[in-house]
Amino acid sequence: MPTITINISELRGIDDESVKDLAELLKGRTDAKVDVTSGEIILNYEKGKKVPSKAYLRVLLRKFLHRA
């Protein structure tokens, strides 16, 4: 099962509600199972599903931070 880990420990001004919103955005846009821990978001993909590029994930993170 392919996974991608996003480190969110250094994001300033991000509270628990914002982390949940970010996890929902990533779940909707990437079609992955999302696990949230204290310092990271883990995207789990089923075998055979296409994993998005890191560049696409960066774009999603920038859009989220711009809206926040």
C-alpha atoms as a PDB file:
ATOM      1  CA  MET A   1       0.000   0.000   0.000  1.00  0.00           C
ATOM      2  CA  PRO A   2       1.690   3.253  -1.109  1.00  0.00           C
ATOM      3  CA  THR A   3       1.766   6.044   1.465  1.00  0.00           C
ATOM      4  CA  ILE A   4       2.704   9.709   1.470  1.00  0.00           C
ATOM      5  CA  THR A   5       3.515  11.533   4.711  1.00  0.00           C
ATOM      6  CA  ILE A   6       3.022  15.288   5.051  1.00  0.00           C
ATOM      7  CA  ASN A   7       4.786  16.939   7.990  1.00  0.00           C
ATOM      8  CA  ILE A   8       2.502  19.586   9.513  1.00  0.00           C
ATOM      9  CA  SER A   9       4.391  20.204  12.756  1.00  0.00           C
ATOM     10  CA  GLU A  10       5.986  23.429  11.513  1.00  0.00           C
ATOM     11  CA  LEU A  11       2.843  25.112  10.191  1.00  0.00           C
ATOM     12  CA  ARG A  12       2.311  28.265  12.214  1.00  0.00           C
ATOM     13  CA  GLY A  13      -1.159  29.212  13.368  1.00  0.00           C
ATOM     14  CA  ILE A  14      -2.753  25.900  12.436  1.00  0.00           C
ATOM     15  CA  ASP A  15      -5.152  24.588  15.086  1.00  0.00           C
ATOM     16  CA  ASP A  16      -6.956  21.234  15.309  1.00  0.00           C
ATOM     17  CA  GLU A  17      -9.951  22.439  13.305  1.00  0.00           C
ATOM     18  CA  SER A  18      -7.704  23.602  10.467  1.00  0.00           C
ATOM     19  CA  VAL A  19      -5.879  20.268  10.445  1.00  0.00           C
ATOM     20  CA  LYS A  20      -9.232  18.486  10.098  1.00  0.00           C
ATOM     21  CA  ASP A  21     -10.187  20.815   7.239  1.00  0.00           C
ATOM     22  CA  LEU A  22      -6.861  20.127   5.521  1.00  0.00           C
ATOM     23  CA  ALA A  23      -7.337  16.375   5.952  1.00  0.00           C
ATOM     24  CA  GLU A  24     -10.839  16.593   4.414  1.00  0.00           C
ATOM     25  CA  LEU A  25      -9.502  18.622   1.476  1.00  0.00           C
ATOM     26  CA  LEU A  26      -6.743  16.100   0.818  1.00  0.00           C
ATOM     27  CA  LYS A  27      -9.144  13.184   1.148  1.00  0.00           C
ATOM     28  CA  GLY A  28     -11.531  14.710  -1.367  1.00  0.00           C
ATOM     29  CA  ARG A  29      -8.925  15.778  -3.892  1.00  0.00           C
ATOM     30  CA  THR A  30      -6.593  12.772  -3.761  1.00  0.00           C
ATOM     31  CA  ASP A  31      -9.025   9.892  -3.166  1.00  0.00           C
ATOM     32  CA  ALA A  32      -6.901   8.481  -0.340  1.00  0.00           C
ATOM     33  CA  LYS A  33      -7.496   7.242   3.180  1.00  0.00           C
ATOM     34  CA  VAL A  34      -6.224   9.993   5.474  1.00  0.00           C
ATOM     35  CA  ASP A  35      -4.744   9.402   8.934  1.00  0.00           C
ATOM     36  CA  VAL A  36      -3.957  12.414  11.125  1.00  0.00           C
ATOM     37  CA  THR A  37      -1.382  12.258  13.908  1.00  0.00           C
ATOM     38  CA  SER A  38      -0.015  15.034  16.090  1.00  0.00           C
ATOM     39  CA  GLY A  39       2.654  16.154  13.637  1.00  0.00           C
ATOM     40  CA  GLU A  40       1.770  14.661  10.277  1.00  0.00           C
ATOM     41  CA  ILE A  41      -0.927  13.678   7.843  1.00  0.00           C
ATOM     42  CA  ILE A  42      -0.542  10.265   6.227  1.00  0.00           C
ATOM     43  CA  LEU A  43      -2.187   9.532   2.876  1.00  0.00           C
ATOM     44  CA  ASN A  44      -2.727   5.796   2.299  1.00  0.00           C
ATOM     45  CA  TYR A  45      -3.524   4.593  -1.201  1.00  0.00           C
ATOM     46  CA  GLU A  46      -4.945   1.232  -2.169  1.00  0.00           C
ATOM     47  CA  LYS A  47      -2.818  -0.989  -4.328  1.00  0.00           C
ATOM     48  CA  GLY A  48      -3.289  -0.184  -8.001  1.00  0.00           C
ATOM     49  CA  LYS A  49      -4.557   3.391  -7.476  1.00  0.00           C
ATOM     50  CA  LYS A  50      -2.630   6.252  -8.997  1.00  0.00           C
ATOM     51  CA  VAL A  51      -0.674   8.299  -6.461  1.00  0.00           C
ATOM     52  CA  PRO A  52      -0.598  12.069  -7.153  1.00  0.00           C
ATOM     53  CA  SER A  53       2.723  13.794  -7.660  1.00  0.00           C
ATOM     54  CA  LYS A  54       4.444  15.771  -4.933  1.00  0.00           C
ATOM     55  CA  ALA A  55       4.013  18.900  -7.034  1.00  0.00           C
ATOM     56  CA  TYR A  56       0.218  18.437  -7.042  1.00  0.00           C
ATOM     57  CA  LEU A  57       0.203  17.951  -3.268  1.00  0.00           C
ATOM     58  CA  ARG A  58       2.244  21.143  -2.862  1.00  0.00           C
ATOM     59  CA  VAL A  59      -0.320  23.030  -4.942  1.00  0.00           C
ATOM     60  CA  LEU A  60      -3.127  21.730  -2.725  1.00  0.00           C
ATOM     61  CA  LEU A  61      -1.245  22.741   0.426  1.00  0.00           C
ATOM     62  CA  ARG A  62      -0.558  26.225  -0.940  1.00  0.00           C
ATOM     63  CA  LYS A  63      -4.237  26.679  -1.850  1.00  0.00           C
ATOM     64  CA  PHE A  64      -5.277  25.605   1.627  1.00  0.00           C
ATOM     65  CA  LEU A  65      -2.795  27.927   3.339  1.00  0.00           C
ATOM     66  CA  HIS A  66      -3.855  30.823   1.122  1.00  0.00           C
ATOM     67  CA  ARG A  67      -7.503  30.323   2.119  1.00  0.00           C
ATOM     68  CA  ALA A  68      -6.710  29.940   5.842  1.00  0.00           C
END
